[in-house]
Amino acid sequence: MKRYKPWYDKKKKCWRVDFPDRDSEEGDLLYVASEFARTGLYFPYNDSQTKDRDYDGHAHYFEGVLKALLDDPKEFTIKGLEECYSAQEQEMLAAVQERLRQMQEEKK
């Protein structure tokens, strides 16, 4: 039975969605919902690998942005890209970056 709206498959322990014109998709809810809506989340940022390039680094999950921050706290920035983040996300990134800075200072 085809299901054209996202649903949780208990046997496979993942989310799924069927399409009338292409293969079904399965995975976590964010991925399946993105495929269902034919759009997705995009979080641009810059770090030491992208700061001098014509393109930004990016993630499709906020967790990916946090990972980039943890990997490169001194060079990580969303300056000029703030419109892509909610106020709450911006506050969290700033707090994590500040705590990492404090920890670095404590080591000295």
PDB file of N, CA and C in Angstrom:
ATOM      1  N   MET A   1       0.837  -1.183   0.000  1.00  0.00           N
ATOM      2  CA  MET A   1       0.000   0.000   0.000  1.00  0.00           C
ATOM      3  C   MET A   1       0.884   1.251   0.000  1.00  0.00           C
ATOM      4  N   LYS A   2       0.679   2.118  -0.960  1.00  0.00           N
ATOM      5  CA  LYS A   2       1.444   3.364  -1.062  1.00  0.00           C
ATOM      6  C   LYS A   2       0.910   4.385  -0.060  1.00  0.00           C
ATOM      7  N   ARG A   3       1.851   5.090   0.585  1.00  0.00           N
ATOM      8  CA  ARG A   3       1.497   6.167   1.512  1.00  0.00           C
ATOM      9  C   ARG A   3       2.225   7.415   1.049  1.00  0.00           C
ATOM     10  N   TYR A   4       1.434   8.401   0.643  1.00  0.00           N
ATOM     11  CA  TYR A   4       2.012   9.618   0.060  1.00  0.00           C
ATOM     12  C   TYR A   4       2.250  10.726   1.074  1.00  0.00           C
ATOM     13  N   LYS A   5       2.106  10.415   2.336  1.00  0.00           N
ATOM     14  CA  LYS A   5       2.442  11.363   3.394  1.00  0.00           C
ATOM     15  C   LYS A   5       3.406  10.636   4.331  1.00  0.00           C
ATOM     16  N   PRO A   6       4.370  11.336   4.940  1.00  0.00           N
ATOM     17  CA  PRO A   6       5.348  10.675   5.805  1.00  0.00           C
ATOM     18  C   PRO A   6       4.687   9.852   6.913  1.00  0.00           C
ATOM     19  N   TRP A   7       5.275   8.685   7.149  1.00  0.00           N
ATOM     20  CA  TRP A   7       4.786   7.784   8.193  1.00  0.00           C
ATOM     21  C   TRP A   7       5.959   7.011   8.783  1.00  0.00           C
ATOM     22  N   TYR A   8       5.795   6.575  10.038  1.00  0.00           N
ATOM     23  CA  TYR A   8       6.853   5.849  10.720  1.00  0.00           C
ATOM     24  C   TYR A   8       6.670   4.358  10.494  1.00  0.00           C
ATOM     25  N   ASP A   9       7.692   3.712   9.957  1.00  0.00           N
ATOM     26  CA  ASP A   9       7.688   2.279   9.692  1.00  0.00           C
ATOM     27  C   ASP A   9       8.303   1.577  10.907  1.00  0.00           C
ATOM     28  N   LYS A  10       7.464   0.942  11.719  1.00  0.00           N
ATOM     29  CA  LYS A  10       7.933   0.293  12.949  1.00  0.00           C
ATOM     30  C   LYS A  10       8.870  -0.877  12.653  1.00  0.00           C
ATOM     31  N   LYS A  11       8.643  -1.572  11.552  1.00  0.00           N
ATOM     32  CA  LYS A  11       9.500  -2.716  11.212  1.00  0.00           C
ATOM     33  C   LYS A  11      10.916  -2.254  10.858  1.00  0.00           C
ATOM     34  N   LYS A  12      11.029  -1.221  10.069  1.00  0.00           N
ATOM     35  CA  LYS A  12      12.340  -0.714   9.650  1.00  0.00           C
ATOM     36  C   LYS A  12      12.909   0.314  10.631  1.00  0.00           C
ATOM     37  N   LYS A  13      12.075   0.771  11.567  1.00  0.00           N
ATOM     38  CA  LYS A  13      12.461   1.765  12.561  1.00  0.00           C
ATOM     39  C   LYS A  13      12.983   3.054  11.913  1.00  0.00           C
ATOM     40  N   CYS A  14      12.222   3.537  10.946  1.00  0.00           N
ATOM     41  CA  CYS A  14      12.571   4.790  10.285  1.00  0.00           C
ATOM     42  C   CYS A  14      11.307   5.407   9.683  1.00  0.00           C
ATOM     43  N   TRP A  15      11.431   6.644   9.264  1.00  0.00           N
ATOM     44  CA  TRP A  15      10.345   7.342   8.592  1.00  0.00           C
ATOM     45  C   TRP A  15      10.394   7.015   7.110  1.00  0.00           C
ATOM     46  N   ARG A  16       9.221   7.016   6.474  1.00  0.00           N
ATOM     47  CA  ARG A  16       9.138   6.717   5.049  1.00  0.00           C
ATOM     48  C   ARG A  16       8.088   7.598   4.391  1.00  0.00           C
ATOM     49  N   VAL A  17       8.225   7.752   3.096  1.00  0.00           N
ATOM     50  CA  VAL A  17       7.202   8.405   2.292  1.00  0.00           C
ATOM     51  C   VAL A  17       7.280   7.814   0.887  1.00  0.00           C
ATOM     52  N   ASP A  18       6.139   7.570   0.282  1.00  0.00           N
ATOM     53  CA  ASP A  18       6.059   7.064  -1.089  1.00  0.00           C
ATOM     54  C   ASP A  18       5.710   8.213  -2.019  1.00  0.00           C
ATOM     55  N   PHE A  19       6.095   8.053  -3.283  1.00  0.00           N
ATOM     56  CA  PHE A  19       5.798   9.052  -4.300  1.00  0.00           C
ATOM     57  C   PHE A  19       5.191   8.354  -5.509  1.00  0.00           C
ATOM     58  N   PRO A  20       4.254   9.000  -6.184  1.00  0.00           N
ATOM     59  CA  PRO A  20       3.663   8.370  -7.363  1.00  0.00           C
ATOM     60  C   PRO A  20       4.605   8.370  -8.567  1.00  0.00           C
ATOM     61  N   ASP A  21       5.590   9.285  -8.564  1.00  0.00           N
ATOM     62  CA  ASP A  21       6.428   9.479  -9.751  1.00  0.00           C
ATOM     63  C   ASP A  21       7.909   9.147  -9.556  1.00  0.00           C
ATOM     64  N   ARG A  22       8.274   8.643  -8.391  1.00  0.00           N
ATOM     65  CA  ARG A  22       9.676   8.293  -8.131  1.00  0.00           C
ATOM     66  C   ARG A  22       9.764   7.317  -6.976  1.00  0.00           C
ATOM     67  N   ASP A  23      10.985   6.864  -6.707  1.00  0.00           N
ATOM     68  CA  ASP A  23      11.188   5.900  -5.626  1.00  0.00           C
ATOM     69  C   ASP A  23      10.809   6.478  -4.279  1.00  0.00           C
ATOM     70  N   SER A  24      10.437   5.599  -3.374  1.00  0.00           N
ATOM     71  CA  SER A  24      10.150   5.992  -1.993  1.00  0.00           C
ATOM     72  C   SER A  24      11.436   6.444  -1.312  1.00  0.00           C
ATOM     73  N   GLU A  25      11.288   7.226  -0.255  1.00  0.00           N
ATOM     74  CA  GLU A  25      12.439   7.666   0.535  1.00  0.00           C
ATOM     75  C   GLU A  25      12.237   7.209   1.967  1.00  0.00           C
ATOM     76  N   GLU A  26      13.349   6.938   2.649  1.00  0.00           N
ATOM     77  CA  GLU A  26      13.274   6.568   4.054  1.00  0.00           C
ATOM     78  C   GLU A  26      14.491   7.118   4.783  1.00  0.00           C
ATOM     79  N   GLY A  27      14.310   7.362   6.077  1.00  0.00           N
ATOM     80  CA  GLY A  27      15.392   7.898   6.894  1.00  0.00           C
ATOM     81  C   GLY A  27      14.825   8.571   8.122  1.00  0.00           C
ATOM     82  N   ASP A  28      15.551   9.574   8.646  1.00  0.00           N
ATOM     83  CA  ASP A  28      15.032  10.294   9.803  1.00  0.00           C
ATOM     84  C   ASP A  28      13.911  11.232   9.349  1.00  0.00           C
ATOM     85  N   LEU A  29      13.159  11.731  10.297  1.00  0.00           N
ATOM     86  CA  LEU A  29      11.983  12.544   9.978  1.00  0.00           C
ATOM     87  C   LEU A  29      12.337  13.811   9.215  1.00  0.00           C
ATOM     88  N   LEU A  30      13.414  14.483   9.584  1.00  0.00           N
ATOM     89  CA  LEU A  30      13.782  15.716   8.886  1.00  0.00           C
ATOM     90  C   LEU A  30      14.062  15.441   7.410  1.00  0.00           C
ATOM     91  N   TYR A  31      14.807  14.373   7.122  1.00  0.00           N
ATOM     92  CA  TYR A  31      15.117  14.034   5.733  1.00  0.00           C
ATOM     93  C   TYR A  31      13.845  13.695   4.954  1.00  0.00           C
ATOM     94  N   VAL A  32      13.003  12.854   5.520  1.00  0.00           N
ATOM     95  CA  VAL A  32      11.785  12.425   4.826  1.00  0.00           C
ATOM     96  C   VAL A  32      10.842  13.613   4.617  1.00  0.00           C
ATOM     97  N   ALA A  33      10.694  14.465   5.628  1.00  0.00           N
ATOM     98  CA  ALA A  33       9.837  15.649   5.479  1.00  0.00           C
ATOM     99  C   ALA A  33      10.387  16.586   4.401  1.00  0.00           C
ATOM    100  N   SER A  34      11.703  16.699   4.323  1.00  0.00           N
ATOM    101  CA  SER A  34      12.321  17.535   3.286  1.00  0.00           C
ATOM    102  C   SER A  34      12.049  16.985   1.895  1.00  0.00           C
ATOM    103  N   GLU A  35      12.167  15.679   1.737  1.00  0.00           N
ATOM    104  CA  GLU A  35      11.873  15.053   0.449  1.00  0.00           C
ATOM    105  C   GLU A  35      10.394  15.196   0.099  1.00  0.00           C
ATOM    106  N   PHE A  36       9.538  15.011   1.094  1.00  0.00           N
ATOM    107  CA  PHE A  36       8.090  15.125   0.907  1.00  0.00           C
ATOM    108  C   PHE A  36       7.716  16.524   0.413  1.00  0.00           C
ATOM    109  N   ALA A  37       8.305  17.547   1.036  1.00  0.00           N
ATOM    110  CA  ALA A  37       7.986  18.931   0.688  1.00  0.00           C
ATOM    111  C   ALA A  37       8.843  19.465  -0.457  1.00  0.00           C
ATOM    112  N   ARG A  38       9.829  18.700  -0.864  1.00  0.00           N
ATOM    113  CA  ARG A  38      10.777  19.095  -1.915  1.00  0.00           C
ATOM    114  C   ARG A  38      11.487  20.403  -1.569  1.00  0.00           C
ATOM    115  N   THR A  39      11.902  20.469  -0.317  1.00  0.00           N
ATOM    116  CA  THR A  39      12.677  21.595   0.201  1.00  0.00           C
ATOM    117  C   THR A  39      13.480  21.080   1.378  1.00  0.00           C
ATOM    118  N   GLY A  40      14.238  21.933   1.998  1.00  0.00           N
ATOM    119  CA  GLY A  40      15.005  21.495   3.161  1.00  0.00           C
ATOM    120  C   GLY A  40      15.606  22.663   3.896  1.00  0.00           C
ATOM    121  N   LEU A  41      16.169  22.363   5.039  1.00  0.00           N
ATOM    122  CA  LEU A  41      16.813  23.380   5.847  1.00  0.00           C
ATOM    123  C   LEU A  41      18.239  23.595   5.351  1.00  0.00           C
ATOM    124  N   TYR A  42      18.703  24.826   5.482  1.00  0.00           N
ATOM    125  CA  TYR A  42      20.043  25.190   5.027  1.00  0.00           C
ATOM    126  C   TYR A  42      20.608  26.211   6.004  1.00  0.00           C
ATOM    127  N   PHE A  43      21.690  25.852   6.667  1.00  0.00           N
ATOM    128  CA  PHE A  43      22.328  26.722   7.643  1.00  0.00           C
ATOM    129  C   PHE A  43      23.735  27.077   7.165  1.00  0.00           C
ATOM    130  N   PRO A  44      23.945  28.254   6.574  1.00  0.00           N
ATOM    131  CA  PRO A  44      25.290  28.645   6.131  1.00  0.00           C
ATOM    132  C   PRO A  44      26.121  29.171   7.306  1.00  0.00           C
ATOM    133  N   TYR A  45      27.423  28.992   7.210  1.00  0.00           N
ATOM    134  CA  TYR A  45      28.361  29.514   8.197  1.00  0.00           C
ATOM    135  C   TYR A  45      29.728  29.622   7.527  1.00  0.00           C
ATOM    136  N   ASN A  46      30.649  30.240   8.197  1.00  0.00           N
ATOM    137  CA  ASN A  46      32.028  30.279   7.726  1.00  0.00           C
ATOM    138  C   ASN A  46      32.949  29.813   8.831  1.00  0.00           C
ATOM    139  N   ASP A  47      34.055  29.227   8.429  1.00  0.00           N
ATOM    140  CA  ASP A  47      35.085  28.774   9.354  1.00  0.00           C
ATOM    141  C   ASP A  47      36.434  28.918   8.656  1.00  0.00           C
ATOM    142  N   SER A  48      37.465  28.357   9.222  1.00  0.00           N
ATOM    143  CA  SER A  48      38.804  28.533   8.645  1.00  0.00           C
ATOM    144  C   SER A  48      38.923  27.939   7.243  1.00  0.00           C
ATOM    145  N   GLN A  49      38.090  26.979   6.901  1.00  0.00           N
ATOM    146  CA  GLN A  49      38.151  26.367   5.576  1.00  0.00           C
ATOM    147  C   GLN A  49      37.417  27.175   4.512  1.00  0.00           C
ATOM    148  N   THR A  50      36.476  28.018   4.911  1.00  0.00           N
ATOM    149  CA  THR A  50      35.675  28.740   3.914  1.00  0.00           C
ATOM    150  C   THR A  50      35.839  30.253   3.946  1.00  0.00           C
ATOM    151  N   LYS A  51      36.560  30.803   4.918  1.00  0.00           N
ATOM    152  CA  LYS A  51      36.577  32.265   5.088  1.00  0.00           C
ATOM    153  C   LYS A  51      37.128  33.039   3.897  1.00  0.00           C
ATOM    154  N   ASP A  52      38.009  32.477   3.123  1.00  0.00           N
ATOM    155  CA  ASP A  52      38.568  33.190   1.969  1.00  0.00           C
ATOM    156  C   ASP A  52      38.026  32.668   0.639  1.00  0.00           C
ATOM    157  N   ARG A  53      36.936  31.952   0.695  1.00  0.00           N
ATOM    158  CA  ARG A  53      36.366  31.379  -0.523  1.00  0.00           C
ATOM    159  C   ARG A  53      35.081  32.103  -0.905  1.00  0.00           C
ATOM    160  N   ASP A  54      34.601  31.828  -2.105  1.00  0.00           N
ATOM    161  CA  ASP A  54      33.384  32.473  -2.603  1.00  0.00           C
ATOM    162  C   ASP A  54      32.102  31.801  -2.115  1.00  0.00           C
ATOM    163  N   TYR A  55      32.227  30.759  -1.342  1.00  0.00           N
ATOM    164  CA  TYR A  55      31.038  30.055  -0.865  1.00  0.00           C
ATOM    165  C   TYR A  55      31.152  29.800   0.633  1.00  0.00           C
ATOM    166  N   ASP A  56      30.016  29.647   1.262  1.00  0.00           N
ATOM    167  CA  ASP A  56      29.956  29.390   2.691  1.00  0.00           C
ATOM    168  C   ASP A  56      29.942  27.888   2.938  1.00  0.00           C
ATOM    169  N   GLY A  57      30.400  27.510   4.130  1.00  0.00           N
ATOM    170  CA  GLY A  57      30.140  26.161   4.595  1.00  0.00           C
ATOM    171  C   GLY A  57      28.660  26.097   4.925  1.00  0.00           C
ATOM    172  N   HIS A  58      28.121  24.911   5.028  1.00  0.00           N
ATOM    173  CA  HIS A  58      26.711  24.819   5.382  1.00  0.00           C
ATOM    174  C   HIS A  58      26.395  23.456   5.989  1.00  0.00           C
ATOM    175  N   ALA A  59      25.248  23.402   6.651  1.00  0.00           N
ATOM    176  CA  ALA A  59      24.730  22.162   7.216  1.00  0.00           C
ATOM    177  C   ALA A  59      23.229  22.131   6.947  1.00  0.00           C
ATOM    178  N   HIS A  60      22.663  20.952   6.958  1.00  0.00           N
ATOM    179  CA  HIS A  60      21.218  20.794   6.769  1.00  0.00           C
ATOM    180  C   HIS A  60      20.506  20.516   8.089  1.00  0.00           C
ATOM    181  N   TYR A  61      21.290  20.370   9.134  1.00  0.00           N
ATOM    182  CA  TYR A  61      20.775  20.170  10.484  1.00  0.00           C
ATOM    183  C   TYR A  61      21.480  21.183  11.383  1.00  0.00           C
ATOM    184  N   PHE A  62      20.792  21.674  12.400  1.00  0.00           N
ATOM    185  CA  PHE A  62      21.426  22.606  13.326  1.00  0.00           C
ATOM    186  C   PHE A  62      22.576  21.915  14.055  1.00  0.00           C
ATOM    187  N   GLU A  63      22.439  20.619  14.301  1.00  0.00           N
ATOM    188  CA  GLU A  63      23.530  19.874  14.934  1.00  0.00           C
ATOM    189  C   GLU A  63      24.811  19.951  14.104  1.00  0.00           C
ATOM    190  N   GLY A  64      24.679  19.982  12.795  1.00  0.00           N
ATOM    191  CA  GLY A  64      25.845  20.121  11.929  1.00  0.00           C
ATOM    192  C   GLY A  64      26.534  21.456  12.121  1.00  0.00           C
ATOM    193  N   VAL A  65      25.765  22.493  12.378  1.00  0.00           N
ATOM    194  CA  VAL A  65      26.322  23.817  12.647  1.00  0.00           C
ATOM    195  C   VAL A  65      27.074  23.783  13.982  1.00  0.00           C
ATOM    196  N   LEU A  66      26.481  23.159  14.988  1.00  0.00           N
ATOM    197  CA  LEU A  66      27.153  23.033  16.282  1.00  0.00           C
ATOM    198  C   LEU A  66      28.462  22.264  16.154  1.00  0.00           C
ATOM    199  N   LYS A  67      28.459  21.213  15.351  1.00  0.00           N
ATOM    200  CA  LYS A  67      29.683  20.437  15.138  1.00  0.00           C
ATOM    201  C   LYS A  67      30.756  21.312  14.496  1.00  0.00           C
ATOM    202  N   ALA A  68      30.383  22.105  13.501  1.00  0.00           N
ATOM    203  CA  ALA A  68      31.340  23.002  12.856  1.00  0.00           C
ATOM    204  C   ALA A  68      31.906  24.000  13.866  1.00  0.00           C
ATOM    205  N   LEU A  69      31.070  24.511  14.740  1.00  0.00           N
ATOM    206  CA  LEU A  69      31.521  25.435  15.778  1.00  0.00           C
ATOM    207  C   LEU A  69      32.498  24.744  16.721  1.00  0.00           C
ATOM    208  N   LEU A  70      32.171  23.548  17.168  1.00  0.00           N
ATOM    209  CA  LEU A  70      33.051  22.818  18.084  1.00  0.00           C
ATOM    210  C   LEU A  70      34.376  22.448  17.425  1.00  0.00           C
ATOM    211  N   ASP A  71      34.349  22.165  16.128  1.00  0.00           N
ATOM    212  CA  ASP A  71      35.562  21.797  15.392  1.00  0.00           C
ATOM    213  C   ASP A  71      36.497  22.989  15.157  1.00  0.00           C
ATOM    214  N   ASP A  72      35.944  24.192  15.085  1.00  0.00           N
ATOM    215  CA  ASP A  72      36.740  25.368  14.717  1.00  0.00           C
ATOM    216  C   ASP A  72      36.206  26.616  15.433  1.00  0.00           C
ATOM    217  N   PRO A  73      36.234  26.615  16.773  1.00  0.00           N
ATOM    218  CA  PRO A  73      35.585  27.706  17.517  1.00  0.00           C
ATOM    219  C   PRO A  73      36.186  29.087  17.284  1.00  0.00           C
ATOM    220  N   LYS A  74      37.470  29.181  17.005  1.00  0.00           N
ATOM    221  CA  LYS A  74      38.092  30.502  16.815  1.00  0.00           C
ATOM    222  C   LYS A  74      37.684  31.142  15.499  1.00  0.00           C
ATOM    223  N   GLU A  75      37.523  30.354  14.459  1.00  0.00           N
ATOM    224  CA  GLU A  75      37.229  30.894  13.122  1.00  0.00           C
ATOM    225  C   GLU A  75      35.755  30.813  12.732  1.00  0.00           C
ATOM    226  N   PHE A  76      34.964  30.051  13.467  1.00  0.00           N
ATOM    227  CA  PHE A  76      33.538  29.881  13.139  1.00  0.00           C
ATOM    228  C   PHE A  76      32.812  31.215  13.258  1.00  0.00           C
ATOM    229  N   THR A  77      31.962  31.506  12.271  1.00  0.00           N
ATOM    230  CA  THR A  77      31.142  32.717  12.322  1.00  0.00           C
ATOM    231  C   THR A  77      29.888  32.565  11.461  1.00  0.00           C
ATOM    232  N   ILE A  78      28.846  33.247  11.886  1.00  0.00           N
ATOM    233  CA  ILE A  78      27.637  33.364  11.055  1.00  0.00           C
ATOM    234  C   ILE A  78      27.410  34.834  10.696  1.00  0.00           C
ATOM    235  N   LYS A  79      28.442  35.661  10.909  1.00  0.00           N
ATOM    236  CA  LYS A  79      28.334  37.099  10.613  1.00  0.00           C
ATOM    237  C   LYS A  79      27.949  37.300   9.148  1.00  0.00           C
ATOM    238  N   GLY A  80      26.928  38.105   8.934  1.00  0.00           N
ATOM    239  CA  GLY A  80      26.413  38.347   7.591  1.00  0.00           C
ATOM    240  C   GLY A  80      25.410  37.303   7.133  1.00  0.00           C
ATOM    241  N   LEU A  81      25.232  36.268   7.921  1.00  0.00           N
ATOM    242  CA  LEU A  81      24.312  35.171   7.578  1.00  0.00           C
ATOM    243  C   LEU A  81      23.226  35.011   8.637  1.00  0.00           C
ATOM    244  N   GLU A  82      23.132  35.964   9.537  1.00  0.00           N
ATOM    245  CA  GLU A  82      22.218  35.862  10.677  1.00  0.00           C
ATOM    246  C   GLU A  82      20.764  35.642  10.282  1.00  0.00           C
ATOM    247  N   GLU A  83      20.363  36.149   9.124  1.00  0.00           N
ATOM    248  CA  GLU A  83      18.954  36.001   8.719  1.00  0.00           C
ATOM    249  C   GLU A  83      18.549  34.543   8.519  1.00  0.00           C
ATOM    250  N   CYS A  84      19.514  33.666   8.421  1.00  0.00           N
ATOM    251  CA  CYS A  84      19.235  32.237   8.238  1.00  0.00           C
ATOM    252  C   CYS A  84      19.019  31.511   9.564  1.00  0.00           C
ATOM    253  N   TYR A  85      19.170  32.232  10.676  1.00  0.00           N
ATOM    254  CA  TYR A  85      19.073  31.641  12.011  1.00  0.00           C
ATOM    255  C   TYR A  85      18.028  32.364  12.845  1.00  0.00           C
ATOM    256  N   SER A  86      17.325  31.605  13.671  1.00  0.00           N
ATOM    257  CA  SER A  86      16.392  32.229  14.605  1.00  0.00           C
ATOM    258  C   SER A  86      17.184  32.915  15.718  1.00  0.00           C
ATOM    259  N   ALA A  87      16.528  33.775  16.468  1.00  0.00           N
ATOM    260  CA  ALA A  87      17.182  34.452  17.594  1.00  0.00           C
ATOM    261  C   ALA A  87      17.677  33.416  18.602  1.00  0.00           C
ATOM    262  N   GLN A  88      16.900  32.384  18.837  1.00  0.00           N
ATOM    263  CA  GLN A  88      17.280  31.338  19.787  1.00  0.00           C
ATOM    264  C   GLN A  88      18.526  30.583  19.309  1.00  0.00           C
ATOM    265  N   GLU A  89      18.586  30.272  18.023  1.00  0.00           N
ATOM    266  CA  GLU A  89      19.767  29.592  17.474  1.00  0.00           C
ATOM    267  C   GLU A  89      21.000  30.485  17.575  1.00  0.00           C
ATOM    268  N   GLN A  90      20.842  31.768  17.264  1.00  0.00           N
ATOM    269  CA  GLN A  90      21.957  32.707  17.361  1.00  0.00           C
ATOM    270  C   GLN A  90      22.471  32.807  18.799  1.00  0.00           C
ATOM    271  N   GLU A  91      21.544  32.867  19.749  1.00  0.00           N
ATOM    272  CA  GLU A  91      21.921  32.946  21.162  1.00  0.00           C
ATOM    273  C   GLU A  91      22.677  31.692  21.595  1.00  0.00           C
ATOM    274  N   MET A  92      22.218  30.541  21.164  1.00  0.00           N
ATOM    275  CA  MET A  92      22.888  29.297  21.538  1.00  0.00           C
ATOM    276  C   MET A  92      24.294  29.229  20.953  1.00  0.00           C
ATOM    277  N   LEU A  93      24.436  29.576  19.689  1.00  0.00           N
ATOM    278  CA  LEU A  93      25.759  29.558  19.062  1.00  0.00           C
ATOM    279  C   LEU A  93      26.711  30.521  19.780  1.00  0.00           C
ATOM    280  N   ALA A  94      26.228  31.707  20.093  1.00  0.00           N
ATOM    281  CA  ALA A  94      27.063  32.684  20.786  1.00  0.00           C
ATOM    282  C   ALA A  94      27.457  32.177  22.174  1.00  0.00           C
ATOM    283  N   ALA A  95      26.534  31.548  22.885  1.00  0.00           N
ATOM    284  CA  ALA A  95      26.826  31.037  24.231  1.00  0.00           C
ATOM    285  C   ALA A  95      27.828  29.882  24.186  1.00  0.00           C
ATOM    286  N   VAL A  96      27.674  28.987  23.232  1.00  0.00           N
ATOM    287  CA  VAL A  96      28.613  27.867  23.102  1.00  0.00           C
ATOM    288  C   VAL A  96      29.996  28.398  22.732  1.00  0.00           C
ATOM    289  N   GLN A  97      30.048  29.340  21.791  1.00  0.00           N
ATOM    290  CA  GLN A  97      31.325  29.897  21.374  1.00  0.00           C
ATOM    291  C   GLN A  97      31.997  30.635  22.533  1.00  0.00           C
ATOM    292  N   GLU A  98      31.222  31.364  23.314  1.00  0.00           N
ATOM    293  CA  GLU A  98      31.771  32.080  24.465  1.00  0.00           C
ATOM    294  C   GLU A  98      32.289  31.099  25.513  1.00  0.00           C
ATOM    295  N   ARG A  99      31.552  30.039  25.774  1.00  0.00           N
ATOM    296  CA  ARG A  99      32.001  29.037  26.757  1.00  0.00           C
ATOM    297  C   ARG A  99      33.292  28.372  26.286  1.00  0.00           C
ATOM    298  N   LEU A 100      33.414  28.089  24.997  1.00  0.00           N
ATOM    299  CA  LEU A 100      34.650  27.519  24.464  1.00  0.00           C
ATOM    300  C   LEU A 100      35.818  28.499  24.631  1.00  0.00           C
ATOM    301  N   ARG A 101      35.549  29.791  24.406  1.00  0.00           N
ATOM    302  CA  ARG A 101      36.565  30.818  24.595  1.00  0.00           C
ATOM    303  C   ARG A 101      37.008  30.868  26.055  1.00  0.00           C
ATOM    304  N   GLN A 102      36.052  30.818  26.979  1.00  0.00           N
ATOM    305  CA  GLN A 102      36.363  30.831  28.411  1.00  0.00           C
ATOM    306  C   GLN A 102      37.221  29.627  28.799  1.00  0.00           C
ATOM    307  N   MET A 103      36.877  28.476  28.277  1.00  0.00           N
ATOM    308  CA  MET A 103      37.648  27.271  28.587  1.00  0.00           C
ATOM    309  C   MET A 103      39.080  27.404  28.092  1.00  0.00           C
ATOM    310  N   GLN A 104      39.262  28.002  26.919  1.00  0.00           N
ATOM    311  CA  GLN A 104      40.592  28.214  26.367  1.00  0.00           C
ATOM    312  C   GLN A 104      41.386  29.163  27.255  1.00  0.00           C
ATOM    313  N   GLU A 105      40.741  30.224  27.773  1.00  0.00           N
ATOM    314  CA  GLU A 105      41.391  31.180  28.653  1.00  0.00           C
ATOM    315  C   GLU A 105      41.783  30.516  29.969  1.00  0.00           C
ATOM    316  N   GLU A 106      40.948  29.618  30.482  1.00  0.00           N
ATOM    317  CA  GLU A 106      41.225  28.927  31.745  1.00  0.00           C
ATOM    318  C   GLU A 106      42.439  28.025  31.641  1.00  0.00           C
ATOM    319  N   LYS A 107      42.728  27.533  30.440  1.00  0.00           N
ATOM    320  CA  LYS A 107      43.883  26.668  30.234  1.00  0.00           C
ATOM    321  C   LYS A 107      45.200  27.425  30.346  1.00  0.00           C
ATOM    322  N   LYS A 108      45.154  28.725  30.092  1.00  0.00           N
ATOM    323  CA  LYS A 108      46.394  29.531  30.073  1.00  0.00           C
ATOM    324  C   LYS A 108      46.953  29.740  31.450  1.00  0.00           C
TER     325      LYS A 108
END
